[in-house]
Amino acid sequence: MTNPQLTRIPIAKTGMLIRKPVEHVFEAIVNPDVTAKFWSSKGSGRLETGKTVKLGEPRCLHRGHAKVRGAKQARSD
């Protein structure tokens, strides 16, 4: 193999094991006060179906709007 070449597009897969109850994880994602502790530091409101929220990370100058198409808490059976 003196000249190796890609023959297909590389694919990377990842996952994360979260050892918390479903309702805690859901709240952490939809509540900007909680989300600011580990991800996006600015959010204009909760992620709720039909709402448009502003999201941002001032340290990186990233900002944007997101229209929430659906936010439904899964049942923890």
Protein backbone atom coordinates (compact mmCIF):
# COMPACT_ATOMS: atom_id res chain seq x y z
CA MET A 1 0.00 0.00 0.00
CA THR A 2 2.19 2.76 -1.22
CA ASN A 3 -0.70 5.08 -2.15
CA PRO A 4 -3.68 4.49 0.19
CA GLN A 5 -6.88 6.27 -0.85
CA LEU A 6 -10.34 6.52 0.60
CA THR A 7 -12.88 4.49 -1.32
CA ARG A 8 -15.90 5.69 0.67
CA ILE A 9 -16.83 8.58 2.94
CA PRO A 10 -15.70 7.93 6.53
CA ILE A 11 -18.47 7.68 9.11
CA ALA A 12 -18.04 8.31 12.82
CA LYS A 13 -20.58 7.21 15.41
CA THR A 14 -20.68 8.14 19.05
CA GLY A 15 -22.90 7.70 22.05
CA MET A 16 -23.19 8.69 25.65
CA LEU A 17 -24.41 6.84 28.69
CA ILE A 18 -26.28 9.18 31.02
CA ARG A 19 -27.03 7.73 34.42
CA LYS A 20 -29.83 10.05 35.37
CA PRO A 21 -33.62 9.70 35.26
CA VAL A 22 -35.23 10.66 31.93
CA GLU A 23 -37.05 13.62 33.48
CA HIS A 24 -33.77 15.12 34.76
CA VAL A 25 -32.13 14.82 31.35
CA PHE A 26 -35.18 16.31 29.60
CA GLU A 27 -35.21 19.28 31.99
CA ALA A 28 -31.49 19.83 31.48
CA ILE A 29 -32.02 20.11 27.73
CA VAL A 30 -35.15 22.29 27.62
CA ASN A 31 -34.34 24.64 30.52
CA PRO A 32 -31.81 27.34 29.52
CA ASP A 33 -30.81 27.92 33.16
CA VAL A 34 -29.63 24.32 33.39
CA THR A 35 -28.29 24.10 29.83
CA ALA A 36 -26.08 27.15 30.47
CA LYS A 37 -24.10 25.13 33.00
CA PHE A 38 -22.79 22.65 30.44
CA TRP A 39 -23.53 23.74 26.85
CA SER A 40 -24.96 26.95 25.36
CA SER A 41 -24.62 29.78 27.85
CA LYS A 42 -27.45 31.98 26.56
CA GLY A 43 -31.05 31.01 25.90
CA SER A 44 -34.11 33.24 25.69
CA GLY A 45 -36.54 30.67 27.06
CA ARG A 46 -37.52 27.05 27.53
CA LEU A 47 -37.61 24.82 24.48
CA GLU A 48 -41.33 24.29 24.00
CA THR A 49 -43.22 23.16 20.91
CA GLY A 50 -44.02 26.07 18.59
CA LYS A 51 -41.73 28.60 20.28
CA THR A 52 -38.80 30.36 18.65
CA VAL A 53 -35.88 30.86 21.02
CA LYS A 54 -32.57 32.64 20.75
CA LEU A 55 -29.52 30.53 21.52
CA GLY A 56 -25.98 31.71 21.82
CA GLU A 57 -22.47 31.28 23.08
CA PRO A 58 -20.98 34.76 23.58
CA ARG A 59 -17.46 33.45 24.18
CA CYS A 60 -17.39 32.12 20.61
CA LEU A 61 -19.65 34.79 19.07
CA HIS A 62 -22.13 32.09 17.99
CA ARG A 63 -25.80 33.07 18.00
CA GLY A 64 -28.95 31.94 16.31
CA HIS A 65 -32.65 31.34 16.47
CA ALA A 66 -34.28 27.95 16.73
CA LYS A 67 -37.92 27.13 16.07
CA VAL A 68 -38.90 24.21 18.26
CA ARG A 69 -40.85 21.74 16.12
CA GLY A 70 -41.47 19.33 18.95
CA ALA A 71 -40.48 18.82 22.56
CA LYS A 72 -42.12 15.93 24.31
CA GLN A 73 -40.86 14.27 27.44
CA ALA A 74 -40.49 10.53 27.08
CA ARG A 75 -42.09 8.27 29.65
CA SER A 76 -39.71 6.55 31.99
CA ASP A 77 -41.14 3.05 32.28
